[in-house]
Amino acid sequence: MGGNNVKGLYWMETLFPNPNGQSMIPPEVLQKEIQKGTIVPLNLGAEKNLDGDTDEYVDKVVRDIWNFYDPKGTGLMTKKALQKFFKDALEIYAMRKGFKKGAESMAPGVKSGEAMAQSVAKVTQNPQGCSYQEFENFVNCYDLDEALGSFLNIGEVAVSNNVQFVDTSHFKEEAAKPKAVQYRDYSHLQGEMQG
C-alpha cells in the first residue's frame, strides 16, 4: 500500500464507515502515513455538535474527499480521478469482505470496464468528469453497496436528489389569521323537540 492509496482508502472509510467500526487499513500502515503527514485524521471530538447534527461534518468530509481527487482545484474531478474513487471504494469493500483485491469482490460475470462506465454514469454524463455538485449529490444519495452496484451486480436503486420538501414558511402566517366562526344550523331540530 502506497501513501496515496492508503489516503484514498482512508477517505473511503471516512465516507463509508465500516458498520463494525473497525478500520480495514492495518494500524501500523495508517500510523506510518499519519506520522509522514500523508493523512491528517479528522478530530471527531472537535467536530461533534452538541445537538447531534452531522451535516457540517459530512460536508467537510465531502469537501476533503473532493480535494483529494481534485488536487489541482480545477473544479472538475476528471474521469480518471472519478475512476480512482470507484477503485478505492471497491478495494475497501473487498477488504471488508475478506478479499485481497477489489476485482476479487466483483460479482461473477461482471466486466470491470462496463461496471466502471456504469458507475461513472451514475455520477455524471459529462465525458470529461464531474462537478463538485454532481459528486456531492452522488455521495449524499448512495451508500457503499449502492455506489458499487454495477460491480456487485446489485439492481439499480432509484435515487433522486431532487426531492421537494414542504414549504412551511406560510404555516405561521396562516396560523396567526383568525378563523371565521361557523355555527351549526339546528333549526331543523326545533320542530322535533316541540312535538
C-alpha atoms as a PDB file:
ATOM      1  CA  MET A   1       0.000   0.000   0.000  1.00  0.00           C
ATOM      2  CA  GLY A   2       1.488   3.287  -1.085  1.00  0.00           C
ATOM      3  CA  GLY A   3       0.795   6.560   0.707  1.00  0.00           C
ATOM      4  CA  ASN A   4      -1.607   7.864  -1.923  1.00  0.00           C
ATOM      5  CA  ASN A   5      -3.520   4.574  -1.970  1.00  0.00           C
ATOM      6  CA  VAL A   6      -3.712   4.494   1.834  1.00  0.00           C
ATOM      7  CA  LYS A   7      -5.096   8.026   1.791  1.00  0.00           C
ATOM      8  CA  GLY A   8      -7.732   7.024  -0.774  1.00  0.00           C
ATOM      9  CA  LEU A   9      -8.721   4.047   1.381  1.00  0.00           C
ATOM     10  CA  TYR A  10      -8.796   6.274   4.459  1.00  0.00           C
ATOM     11  CA  TRP A  11     -11.232   8.623   2.716  1.00  0.00           C
ATOM     12  CA  MET A  12     -13.403   5.682   1.638  1.00  0.00           C
ATOM     13  CA  GLU A  13     -13.567   4.501   5.247  1.00  0.00           C
ATOM     14  CA  THR A  14     -14.431   8.017   6.362  1.00  0.00           C
ATOM     15  CA  LEU A  15     -17.166   8.401   3.738  1.00  0.00           C
ATOM     16  CA  PHE A  16     -18.485   4.848   4.043  1.00  0.00           C
ATOM     17  CA  PRO A  17     -17.782   3.838   7.672  1.00  0.00           C
ATOM     18  CA  ASN A  18     -17.427   0.164   8.448  1.00  0.00           C
ATOM     19  CA  PRO A  19     -20.583  -0.992  10.268  1.00  0.00           C
ATOM     20  CA  ASN A  20     -18.457  -2.747  12.893  1.00  0.00           C
ATOM     21  CA  GLY A  21     -16.348   0.384  13.455  1.00  0.00           C
ATOM     22  CA  GLN A  22     -13.046  -1.338  12.593  1.00  0.00           C
ATOM     23  CA  SER A  23     -10.632   0.159  10.075  1.00  0.00           C
ATOM     24  CA  MET A  24      -9.550  -2.197   7.318  1.00  0.00           C
ATOM     25  CA  ILE A  25      -6.248  -0.373   6.967  1.00  0.00           C
ATOM     26  CA  PRO A  26      -3.611  -2.100   9.117  1.00  0.00           C
ATOM     27  CA  PRO A  27      -2.949   0.160  12.141  1.00  0.00           C
ATOM     28  CA  GLU A  28       0.821   0.243  11.566  1.00  0.00           C
ATOM     29  CA  VAL A  29       0.325   1.341   7.937  1.00  0.00           C
ATOM     30  CA  LEU A  30      -2.175   4.017   8.922  1.00  0.00           C
ATOM     31  CA  GLN A  31       0.055   5.265  11.753  1.00  0.00           C
ATOM     32  CA  LYS A  32       3.043   5.467   9.392  1.00  0.00           C
ATOM     33  CA  GLU A  33       1.061   7.643   6.962  1.00  0.00           C
ATOM     34  CA  ILE A  34      -0.180   9.845   9.800  1.00  0.00           C
ATOM     35  CA  GLN A  35       3.396  10.353  11.031  1.00  0.00           C
ATOM     36  CA  LYS A  36       4.539  11.215   7.483  1.00  0.00           C
ATOM     37  CA  GLY A  37       1.717  13.757   7.241  1.00  0.00           C
ATOM     38  CA  THR A  38       0.092  11.999   4.278  1.00  0.00           C
ATOM     39  CA  ILE A  39      -3.072  11.563   6.329  1.00  0.00           C
ATOM     40  CA  VAL A  40      -4.370  14.108   8.804  1.00  0.00           C
ATOM     41  CA  PRO A  41      -7.001  12.300  10.851  1.00  0.00           C
ATOM     42  CA  LEU A  42     -10.259  14.044  11.482  1.00  0.00           C
ATOM     43  CA  ASN A  43     -10.704  15.151  15.069  1.00  0.00           C
ATOM     44  CA  LEU A  44     -14.129  13.655  15.684  1.00  0.00           C
ATOM     45  CA  GLY A  45     -14.431  15.135  19.159  1.00  0.00           C
ATOM     46  CA  ALA A  46     -13.825  18.671  17.912  1.00  0.00           C
ATOM     47  CA  GLU A  47     -16.276  18.255  15.026  1.00  0.00           C
ATOM     48  CA  LYS A  48     -19.225  16.931  17.009  1.00  0.00           C
ATOM     49  CA  ASN A  49     -22.083  19.346  17.509  1.00  0.00           C
ATOM     50  CA  LEU A  50     -23.908  19.309  20.817  1.00  0.00           C
ATOM     51  CA  ASP A  51     -27.257  18.848  19.115  1.00  0.00           C
ATOM     52  CA  GLY A  52     -26.018  15.788  17.233  1.00  0.00           C
ATOM     53  CA  ASP A  53     -26.372  17.399  13.796  1.00  0.00           C
ATOM     54  CA  THR A  54     -23.781  15.864  11.495  1.00  0.00           C
ATOM     55  CA  ASP A  55     -24.453  17.885   8.325  1.00  0.00           C
ATOM     56  CA  GLU A  56     -21.457  20.147   8.850  1.00  0.00           C
ATOM     57  CA  TYR A  57     -19.187  17.167   9.489  1.00  0.00           C
ATOM     58  CA  VAL A  58     -20.430  15.344   6.363  1.00  0.00           C
ATOM     59  CA  ASP A  59     -19.974  18.492   4.262  1.00  0.00           C
ATOM     60  CA  LYS A  60     -16.372  18.784   5.482  1.00  0.00           C
ATOM     61  CA  VAL A  61     -15.652  15.139   4.655  1.00  0.00           C
ATOM     62  CA  VAL A  62     -17.126  15.537   1.165  1.00  0.00           C
ATOM     63  CA  ARG A  63     -15.012  18.685   0.583  1.00  0.00           C
ATOM     64  CA  ASP A  64     -11.862  16.930   1.813  1.00  0.00           C
ATOM     65  CA  ILE A  65     -12.507  13.917  -0.407  1.00  0.00           C
ATOM     66  CA  TRP A  66     -13.168  16.224  -3.346  1.00  0.00           C
ATOM     67  CA  ASN A  67      -9.852  17.983  -2.693  1.00  0.00           C
ATOM     68  CA  PHE A  68      -8.043  14.629  -2.630  1.00  0.00           C
ATOM     69  CA  TYR A  69      -9.425  13.588  -6.029  1.00  0.00           C
ATOM     70  CA  ASP A  70      -9.195  17.133  -7.476  1.00  0.00           C
ATOM     71  CA  PRO A  71      -5.783  18.129  -6.040  1.00  0.00           C
ATOM     72  CA  LYS A  72      -5.261  20.988  -8.523  1.00  0.00           C
ATOM     73  CA  GLY A  73      -8.542  22.607  -7.534  1.00  0.00           C
ATOM     74  CA  THR A  74      -9.860  22.748 -11.084  1.00  0.00           C
ATOM     75  CA  GLY A  75     -13.480  22.361 -10.007  1.00  0.00           C
ATOM     76  CA  LEU A  76     -13.769  19.251 -12.166  1.00  0.00           C
ATOM     77  CA  MET A  77     -12.975  15.765 -10.942  1.00  0.00           C
ATOM     78  CA  THR A  78     -11.577  14.180 -14.078  1.00  0.00           C
ATOM     79  CA  LYS A  79     -12.965  10.918 -15.355  1.00  0.00           C
ATOM     80  CA  LYS A  80      -9.659   9.269 -14.397  1.00  0.00           C
ATOM     81  CA  ALA A  81      -9.900  10.616 -10.829  1.00  0.00           C
ATOM     82  CA  LEU A  82     -13.543   9.521 -10.615  1.00  0.00           C
ATOM     83  CA  GLN A  83     -12.473   6.036 -11.690  1.00  0.00           C
ATOM     84  CA  LYS A  84      -9.812   6.104  -8.949  1.00  0.00           C
ATOM     85  CA  PHE A  85     -12.575   6.989  -6.474  1.00  0.00           C
ATOM     86  CA  PHE A  86     -14.526   3.881  -7.520  1.00  0.00           C
ATOM     87  CA  LYS A  87     -11.384   1.697  -7.440  1.00  0.00           C
ATOM     88  CA  ASP A  88     -10.651   2.863  -3.888  1.00  0.00           C
ATOM     89  CA  ALA A  89     -14.279   2.222  -2.895  1.00  0.00           C
ATOM     90  CA  LEU A  90     -14.153  -1.259  -4.433  1.00  0.00           C
ATOM     91  CA  GLU A  91     -10.888  -2.009  -2.662  1.00  0.00           C
ATOM     92  CA  ILE A  92     -12.255  -1.023   0.761  1.00  0.00           C
ATOM     93  CA  TYR A  93     -15.378  -3.091   0.045  1.00  0.00           C
ATOM     94  CA  ALA A  94     -13.195  -6.093  -0.890  1.00  0.00           C
ATOM     95  CA  MET A  95     -11.116  -5.735   2.277  1.00  0.00           C
ATOM     96  CA  ARG A  96     -14.289  -5.775   4.376  1.00  0.00           C
ATOM     97  CA  LYS A  97     -15.412  -8.956   2.632  1.00  0.00           C
ATOM     98  CA  GLY A  98     -12.056 -10.675   3.173  1.00  0.00           C
ATOM     99  CA  PHE A  99     -10.647 -10.337  -0.352  1.00  0.00           C
ATOM    100  CA  LYS A 100      -7.153  -9.091  -1.165  1.00  0.00           C
ATOM    101  CA  LYS A 101      -8.076  -7.071  -4.264  1.00  0.00           C
ATOM    102  CA  GLY A 102     -11.125  -5.164  -5.385  1.00  0.00           C
ATOM    103  CA  ALA A 103     -11.559  -7.260  -8.512  1.00  0.00           C
ATOM    104  CA  GLU A 104     -11.954 -10.396  -6.394  1.00  0.00           C
ATOM    105  CA  SER A 105     -15.102  -8.972  -4.801  1.00  0.00           C
ATOM    106  CA  MET A 106     -16.860  -8.312  -8.099  1.00  0.00           C
ATOM    107  CA  ALA A 107     -19.907 -10.426  -8.921  1.00  0.00           C
ATOM    108  CA  PRO A 108     -19.317 -13.349 -11.297  1.00  0.00           C
ATOM    109  CA  GLY A 109     -19.619 -12.382 -14.951  1.00  0.00           C
ATOM    110  CA  VAL A 110     -19.267  -8.646 -14.340  1.00  0.00           C
ATOM    111  CA  LYS A 111     -16.852  -6.931 -16.702  1.00  0.00           C
ATOM    112  CA  SER A 112     -14.741  -4.342 -14.943  1.00  0.00           C
ATOM    113  CA  GLY A 113     -14.753  -1.809 -17.782  1.00  0.00           C
ATOM    114  CA  GLU A 114     -18.519  -1.914 -18.228  1.00  0.00           C
ATOM    115  CA  ALA A 115     -19.103  -1.709 -14.475  1.00  0.00           C
ATOM    116  CA  MET A 116     -16.783   1.289 -14.245  1.00  0.00           C
ATOM    117  CA  ALA A 117     -18.572   3.069 -17.102  1.00  0.00           C
ATOM    118  CA  GLN A 118     -21.953   2.449 -15.452  1.00  0.00           C
ATOM    119  CA  SER A 119     -20.647   3.678 -12.092  1.00  0.00           C
ATOM    120  CA  VAL A 120     -19.226   6.872 -13.583  1.00  0.00           C
ATOM    121  CA  ALA A 121     -22.537   7.422 -15.412  1.00  0.00           C
ATOM    122  CA  LYS A 122     -24.337   7.398 -12.030  1.00  0.00           C
ATOM    123  CA  VAL A 123     -22.313  10.460 -11.086  1.00  0.00           C
ATOM    124  CA  THR A 124     -22.176  12.407 -14.335  1.00  0.00           C
ATOM    125  CA  GLN A 125     -22.936  12.285 -18.035  1.00  0.00           C
ATOM    126  CA  ASN A 126     -20.014  14.626 -18.798  1.00  0.00           C
ATOM    127  CA  PRO A 127     -17.257  12.614 -20.539  1.00  0.00           C
ATOM    128  CA  GLN A 128     -14.610  14.939 -19.031  1.00  0.00           C
ATOM    129  CA  GLY A 129     -15.547  14.332 -15.391  1.00  0.00           C
ATOM    130  CA  CYS A 130     -17.916  15.574 -12.717  1.00  0.00           C
ATOM    131  CA  SER A 131     -18.576  18.857 -10.965  1.00  0.00           C
ATOM    132  CA  TYR A 132     -18.476  19.241  -7.204  1.00  0.00           C
ATOM    133  CA  GLN A 133     -22.286  19.446  -7.093  1.00  0.00           C
ATOM    134  CA  GLU A 134     -22.648  16.167  -9.018  1.00  0.00           C
ATOM    135  CA  PHE A 135     -20.129  14.473  -6.733  1.00  0.00           C
ATOM    136  CA  GLU A 136     -21.791  15.819  -3.592  1.00  0.00           C
ATOM    137  CA  ASN A 137     -25.222  14.683  -4.796  1.00  0.00           C
ATOM    138  CA  PHE A 138     -23.836  11.219  -5.521  1.00  0.00           C
ATOM    139  CA  VAL A 139     -22.147  10.659  -2.159  1.00  0.00           C
ATOM    140  CA  ASN A 140     -25.196  12.000  -0.323  1.00  0.00           C
ATOM    141  CA  CYS A 141     -27.526   9.600  -2.168  1.00  0.00           C
ATOM    142  CA  TYR A 142     -25.606   6.311  -2.247  1.00  0.00           C
ATOM    143  CA  ASP A 143     -24.111   4.051   0.391  1.00  0.00           C
ATOM    144  CA  LEU A 144     -21.120   1.842  -0.459  1.00  0.00           C
ATOM    145  CA  ASP A 145     -23.088  -1.140  -1.768  1.00  0.00           C
ATOM    146  CA  GLU A 146     -25.309   1.057  -3.937  1.00  0.00           C
ATOM    147  CA  ALA A 147     -22.367   3.099  -5.239  1.00  0.00           C
ATOM    148  CA  LEU A 148     -20.651  -0.137  -6.288  1.00  0.00           C
ATOM    149  CA  GLY A 149     -23.852  -1.765  -7.553  1.00  0.00           C
ATOM    150  CA  SER A 150     -22.528  -2.129 -11.101  1.00  0.00           C
ATOM    151  CA  PHE A 151     -19.501  -4.079  -9.820  1.00  0.00           C
ATOM    152  CA  LEU A 152     -21.515  -6.175  -7.378  1.00  0.00           C
ATOM    153  CA  ASN A 153     -24.435  -6.848  -9.720  1.00  0.00           C
ATOM    154  CA  ILE A 154     -26.855  -5.188  -7.340  1.00  0.00           C
ATOM    155  CA  GLY A 155     -30.010  -3.978  -9.031  1.00  0.00           C
ATOM    156  CA  GLU A 156     -30.239  -0.253  -9.576  1.00  0.00           C
ATOM    157  CA  VAL A 157     -31.810   1.641  -6.738  1.00  0.00           C
ATOM    158  CA  ALA A 158     -33.770   4.638  -7.957  1.00  0.00           C
ATOM    159  CA  VAL A 159     -32.326   7.564  -6.019  1.00  0.00           C
ATOM    160  CA  SER A 160     -33.270  11.174  -6.609  1.00  0.00           C
ATOM    161  CA  ASN A 161     -31.592  14.176  -5.104  1.00  0.00           C
ATOM    162  CA  ASN A 162     -34.329  16.492  -6.390  1.00  0.00           C
ATOM    163  CA  VAL A 163     -36.728  15.961  -3.523  1.00  0.00           C
ATOM    164  CA  GLN A 164     -39.288  18.671  -2.942  1.00  0.00           C
ATOM    165  CA  PHE A 165     -39.814  19.411   0.720  1.00  0.00           C
ATOM    166  CA  VAL A 166     -42.899  21.018   2.230  1.00  0.00           C
ATOM    167  CA  ASP A 167     -42.633  24.786   2.397  1.00  0.00           C
ATOM    168  CA  THR A 168     -43.554  25.590   5.985  1.00  0.00           C
ATOM    169  CA  SER A 169     -42.901  29.314   5.740  1.00  0.00           C
ATOM    170  CA  HIS A 170     -46.605  30.100   5.304  1.00  0.00           C
ATOM    171  CA  PHE A 171     -47.753  27.949   8.247  1.00  0.00           C
ATOM    172  CA  LYS A 172     -47.012  30.555  10.897  1.00  0.00           C
ATOM    173  CA  GLU A 173     -48.679  33.269   8.836  1.00  0.00           C
ATOM    174  CA  GLU A 174     -51.829  31.227   8.307  1.00  0.00           C
ATOM    175  CA  ALA A 175     -51.967  30.140  11.938  1.00  0.00           C
ATOM    176  CA  ALA A 176     -51.987  33.776  13.053  1.00  0.00           C
ATOM    177  CA  LYS A 177     -55.065  34.609  10.966  1.00  0.00           C
ATOM    178  CA  PRO A 178     -58.331  34.316  12.892  1.00  0.00           C
ATOM    179  CA  LYS A 179     -60.644  31.667  11.535  1.00  0.00           C
ATOM    180  CA  ALA A 180     -64.214  32.569  10.705  1.00  0.00           C
ATOM    181  CA  VAL A 181     -66.601  31.016  13.187  1.00  0.00           C
ATOM    182  CA  GLN A 182     -69.154  28.740  11.574  1.00  0.00           C
ATOM    183  CA  TYR A 183     -72.238  27.940  13.618  1.00  0.00           C
ATOM    184  CA  ARG A 184     -74.138  24.742  13.111  1.00  0.00           C
ATOM    185  CA  ASP A 185     -77.680  25.047  11.945  1.00  0.00           C
ATOM    186  CA  TYR A 186     -80.015  23.266  14.382  1.00  0.00           C
ATOM    187  CA  SER A 187     -83.216  24.914  13.152  1.00  0.00           C
ATOM    188  CA  HIS A 188     -84.452  21.677  11.623  1.00  0.00           C
ATOM    189  CA  LEU A 189     -84.439  20.100  15.101  1.00  0.00           C
ATOM    190  CA  GLN A 190     -86.760  22.728  16.639  1.00  0.00           C
ATOM    191  CA  GLY A 191     -89.849  21.114  15.204  1.00  0.00           C
ATOM    192  CA  GLU A 192     -88.850  17.692  16.508  1.00  0.00           C
ATOM    193  CA  MET A 193     -88.171  18.976  20.022  1.00  0.00           C
ATOM    194  CA  GLN A 194     -91.578  20.749  20.323  1.00  0.00           C
ATOM    195  CA  GLY A 195     -93.556  17.791  19.173  1.00  0.00           C
END
